[in-house]
Amino acid sequence: MVKIRLQREGKKKAPFYHIVIADSRSPRDGKIIEQIGTYDPMTEPSTIVINKELLEKWIKNGAKPTETVKALIEKI
């Protein structure tokens, strides 16, 4: 199953996330299919950038967003 989820980047105690399309069996920071956006929780307010065309394409093709990504999508 393909999931839309966060991939952690950044230093210790300074997280930065890529919003990616990945197989549900791959590790959190493992192999991805495509990167569709970014999330930076360290800025005030948090910065969320998502390519909506790619997001809609992958959801239409059956990708399921995780709970965290669902919450981020609702914020934009």
N, C-alpha and C. Protein backbone atom coordinates (compact mmCIF):
# COMPACT_ATOMS: atom_id res chain seq x y z
N MET A 1 0.83 -1.17 0.00
CA MET A 1 0.00 0.00 0.00
C MET A 1 0.89 1.25 0.00
N VAL A 2 0.48 2.24 -0.74
CA VAL A 2 1.24 3.48 -0.84
C VAL A 2 0.67 4.49 0.15
N LYS A 3 1.56 5.17 0.88
CA LYS A 3 1.14 6.15 1.89
C LYS A 3 1.76 7.51 1.60
N ILE A 4 1.05 8.53 2.02
CA ILE A 4 1.57 9.89 2.01
C ILE A 4 1.98 10.16 3.45
N ARG A 5 3.28 10.38 3.68
CA ARG A 5 3.75 10.51 5.06
C ARG A 5 4.93 11.47 5.15
N LEU A 6 5.39 11.69 6.37
CA LEU A 6 6.49 12.60 6.62
C LEU A 6 7.81 11.84 6.65
N GLN A 7 8.85 12.46 6.11
CA GLN A 7 10.21 11.93 6.17
C GLN A 7 11.04 12.96 6.91
N ARG A 8 11.63 12.58 8.04
CA ARG A 8 12.33 13.53 8.91
C ARG A 8 13.71 13.88 8.38
N GLU A 9 14.01 15.14 8.41
CA GLU A 9 15.32 15.67 8.06
C GLU A 9 15.71 16.63 9.18
N GLY A 10 16.82 17.31 9.05
CA GLY A 10 17.23 18.31 10.03
C GLY A 10 18.08 17.73 11.14
N LYS A 11 18.52 18.64 12.01
CA LYS A 11 19.39 18.26 13.12
C LYS A 11 18.58 17.81 14.33
N LYS A 12 19.30 17.34 15.32
CA LYS A 12 18.66 16.96 16.58
C LYS A 12 18.01 18.20 17.19
N LYS A 13 16.77 18.06 17.62
CA LYS A 13 15.97 19.13 18.23
C LYS A 13 15.66 20.28 17.27
N ALA A 14 15.87 20.08 15.98
CA ALA A 14 15.51 21.06 14.96
C ALA A 14 14.96 20.32 13.74
N PRO A 15 13.76 19.73 13.88
CA PRO A 15 13.24 18.89 12.81
C PRO A 15 12.79 19.70 11.58
N PHE A 16 12.85 19.05 10.44
CA PHE A 16 12.34 19.55 9.18
C PHE A 16 11.83 18.32 8.45
N TYR A 17 10.67 18.39 7.84
CA TYR A 17 10.07 17.21 7.24
C TYR A 17 9.79 17.41 5.76
N HIS A 18 9.97 16.33 4.99
CA HIS A 18 9.54 16.28 3.61
C HIS A 18 8.25 15.48 3.60
N ILE A 19 7.26 15.94 2.85
CA ILE A 19 6.03 15.19 2.67
C ILE A 19 6.25 14.34 1.42
N VAL A 20 6.20 13.02 1.61
CA VAL A 20 6.60 12.10 0.55
C VAL A 20 5.55 11.02 0.30
N ILE A 21 5.67 10.42 -0.88
CA ILE A 21 4.89 9.24 -1.24
C ILE A 21 5.84 8.06 -1.08
N ALA A 22 5.45 7.07 -0.27
CA ALA A 22 6.33 5.93 -0.02
C ALA A 22 5.50 4.67 0.20
N ASP A 23 6.12 3.54 -0.03
CA ASP A 23 5.49 2.26 0.26
C ASP A 23 5.37 2.14 1.78
N SER A 24 4.26 1.62 2.26
CA SER A 24 4.03 1.54 3.70
C SER A 24 5.01 0.60 4.40
N ARG A 25 5.65 -0.30 3.66
CA ARG A 25 6.58 -1.24 4.26
C ARG A 25 7.99 -0.68 4.39
N SER A 26 8.29 0.43 3.71
CA SER A 26 9.64 0.99 3.78
C SER A 26 9.81 1.78 5.07
N PRO A 27 11.06 1.91 5.57
CA PRO A 27 11.29 2.66 6.81
C PRO A 27 10.98 4.15 6.65
N ARG A 28 10.81 4.84 7.78
CA ARG A 28 10.42 6.25 7.77
C ARG A 28 11.31 7.10 6.87
N ASP A 29 12.61 6.94 6.98
CA ASP A 29 13.54 7.74 6.19
C ASP A 29 14.14 6.94 5.04
N GLY A 30 13.45 5.89 4.63
CA GLY A 30 13.96 5.02 3.58
C GLY A 30 13.59 5.49 2.19
N LYS A 31 13.50 4.53 1.28
CA LYS A 31 13.25 4.80 -0.13
C LYS A 31 11.87 5.43 -0.31
N ILE A 32 11.81 6.48 -1.15
CA ILE A 32 10.54 7.14 -1.43
C ILE A 32 10.23 7.02 -2.92
N ILE A 33 8.97 7.26 -3.26
CA ILE A 33 8.55 7.26 -4.65
C ILE A 33 8.63 8.68 -5.21
N GLU A 34 8.11 9.65 -4.44
CA GLU A 34 8.11 11.04 -4.89
C GLU A 34 7.97 11.97 -3.70
N GLN A 35 8.60 13.14 -3.78
CA GLN A 35 8.44 14.17 -2.75
C GLN A 35 7.43 15.19 -3.26
N ILE A 36 6.41 15.49 -2.43
CA ILE A 36 5.37 16.42 -2.89
C ILE A 36 5.30 17.70 -2.06
N GLY A 37 6.11 17.82 -1.00
CA GLY A 37 6.07 19.04 -0.22
C GLY A 37 7.01 19.01 0.96
N THR A 38 6.92 20.09 1.77
CA THR A 38 7.75 20.21 2.96
C THR A 38 6.91 20.75 4.12
N TYR A 39 7.41 20.50 5.33
CA TYR A 39 6.78 21.00 6.56
C TYR A 39 7.88 21.40 7.51
N ASP A 40 7.86 22.67 7.95
CA ASP A 40 8.87 23.18 8.87
C ASP A 40 8.17 23.64 10.15
N PRO A 41 8.18 22.81 11.21
CA PRO A 41 7.51 23.17 12.46
C PRO A 41 8.28 24.19 13.30
N MET A 42 9.52 24.50 12.93
CA MET A 42 10.35 25.39 13.74
C MET A 42 10.06 26.87 13.48
N THR A 43 9.40 27.20 12.39
CA THR A 43 9.08 28.60 12.11
C THR A 43 7.79 28.98 12.85
N GLU A 44 7.55 30.25 13.00
CA GLU A 44 6.34 30.71 13.68
C GLU A 44 5.58 31.63 12.74
N PRO A 45 4.45 31.27 12.17
CA PRO A 45 3.76 29.98 12.27
C PRO A 45 4.45 28.91 11.42
N SER A 46 4.08 27.68 11.63
CA SER A 46 4.68 26.56 10.89
C SER A 46 4.51 26.75 9.39
N THR A 47 5.54 26.38 8.62
CA THR A 47 5.50 26.52 7.17
C THR A 47 5.15 25.18 6.55
N ILE A 48 4.06 25.17 5.75
CA ILE A 48 3.62 23.96 5.07
C ILE A 48 3.54 24.29 3.58
N VAL A 49 4.29 23.55 2.76
CA VAL A 49 4.26 23.73 1.31
C VAL A 49 3.96 22.38 0.69
N ILE A 50 2.82 22.30 -0.04
CA ILE A 50 2.43 21.04 -0.68
C ILE A 50 2.03 21.33 -2.13
N ASN A 51 2.52 20.52 -3.05
CA ASN A 51 2.10 20.61 -4.44
C ASN A 51 0.73 19.94 -4.54
N LYS A 52 -0.32 20.76 -4.66
CA LYS A 52 -1.69 20.23 -4.61
C LYS A 52 -2.02 19.34 -5.80
N GLU A 53 -1.43 19.62 -6.96
CA GLU A 53 -1.69 18.78 -8.13
C GLU A 53 -1.17 17.36 -7.91
N LEU A 54 0.06 17.25 -7.38
CA LEU A 54 0.61 15.92 -7.10
C LEU A 54 -0.16 15.23 -5.99
N LEU A 55 -0.58 15.99 -4.97
CA LEU A 55 -1.35 15.41 -3.88
C LEU A 55 -2.65 14.81 -4.39
N GLU A 56 -3.38 15.55 -5.20
CA GLU A 56 -4.64 15.05 -5.76
C GLU A 56 -4.41 13.84 -6.66
N LYS A 57 -3.33 13.87 -7.45
CA LYS A 57 -3.02 12.74 -8.34
C LYS A 57 -2.79 11.47 -7.54
N TRP A 58 -2.00 11.57 -6.46
CA TRP A 58 -1.69 10.37 -5.68
C TRP A 58 -2.89 9.88 -4.88
N ILE A 59 -3.70 10.79 -4.36
CA ILE A 59 -4.90 10.35 -3.64
C ILE A 59 -5.86 9.66 -4.60
N LYS A 60 -5.97 10.20 -5.81
CA LYS A 60 -6.83 9.58 -6.82
C LYS A 60 -6.33 8.19 -7.19
N ASN A 61 -5.00 7.98 -7.14
CA ASN A 61 -4.42 6.68 -7.45
C ASN A 61 -4.41 5.72 -6.27
N GLY A 62 -4.95 6.14 -5.12
CA GLY A 62 -5.12 5.22 -4.00
C GLY A 62 -4.16 5.40 -2.84
N ALA A 63 -3.34 6.44 -2.84
CA ALA A 63 -2.42 6.66 -1.71
C ALA A 63 -3.22 7.17 -0.51
N LYS A 64 -2.90 6.66 0.66
CA LYS A 64 -3.60 7.06 1.89
C LYS A 64 -2.68 7.94 2.73
N PRO A 65 -3.14 9.15 3.12
CA PRO A 65 -2.31 9.99 4.00
C PRO A 65 -2.36 9.48 5.44
N THR A 66 -1.26 9.66 6.17
CA THR A 66 -1.23 9.32 7.59
C THR A 66 -2.04 10.37 8.35
N GLU A 67 -2.30 10.12 9.62
CA GLU A 67 -3.08 11.06 10.43
C GLU A 67 -2.41 12.43 10.49
N THR A 68 -1.10 12.46 10.66
CA THR A 68 -0.37 13.72 10.74
C THR A 68 -0.47 14.50 9.44
N VAL A 69 -0.30 13.81 8.33
CA VAL A 69 -0.38 14.48 7.02
C VAL A 69 -1.80 14.97 6.76
N LYS A 70 -2.82 14.20 7.17
CA LYS A 70 -4.21 14.65 7.05
C LYS A 70 -4.41 15.97 7.77
N ALA A 71 -3.87 16.07 8.98
CA ALA A 71 -4.00 17.31 9.77
C ALA A 71 -3.29 18.47 9.08
N LEU A 72 -2.14 18.22 8.47
CA LEU A 72 -1.41 19.27 7.76
C LEU A 72 -2.18 19.72 6.51
N ILE A 73 -2.77 18.80 5.81
CA ILE A 73 -3.55 19.13 4.61
C ILE A 73 -4.74 20.00 4.98
N GLU A 74 -5.38 19.71 6.10
CA GLU A 74 -6.53 20.50 6.54
C GLU A 74 -6.14 21.92 6.93
N LYS A 75 -4.89 22.13 7.36
CA LYS A 75 -4.43 23.46 7.75
C LYS A 75 -4.22 24.40 6.57
N ILE A 76 -3.95 23.83 5.39
CA ILE A 76 -3.69 24.71 4.24
C ILE A 76 -4.94 24.96 3.42
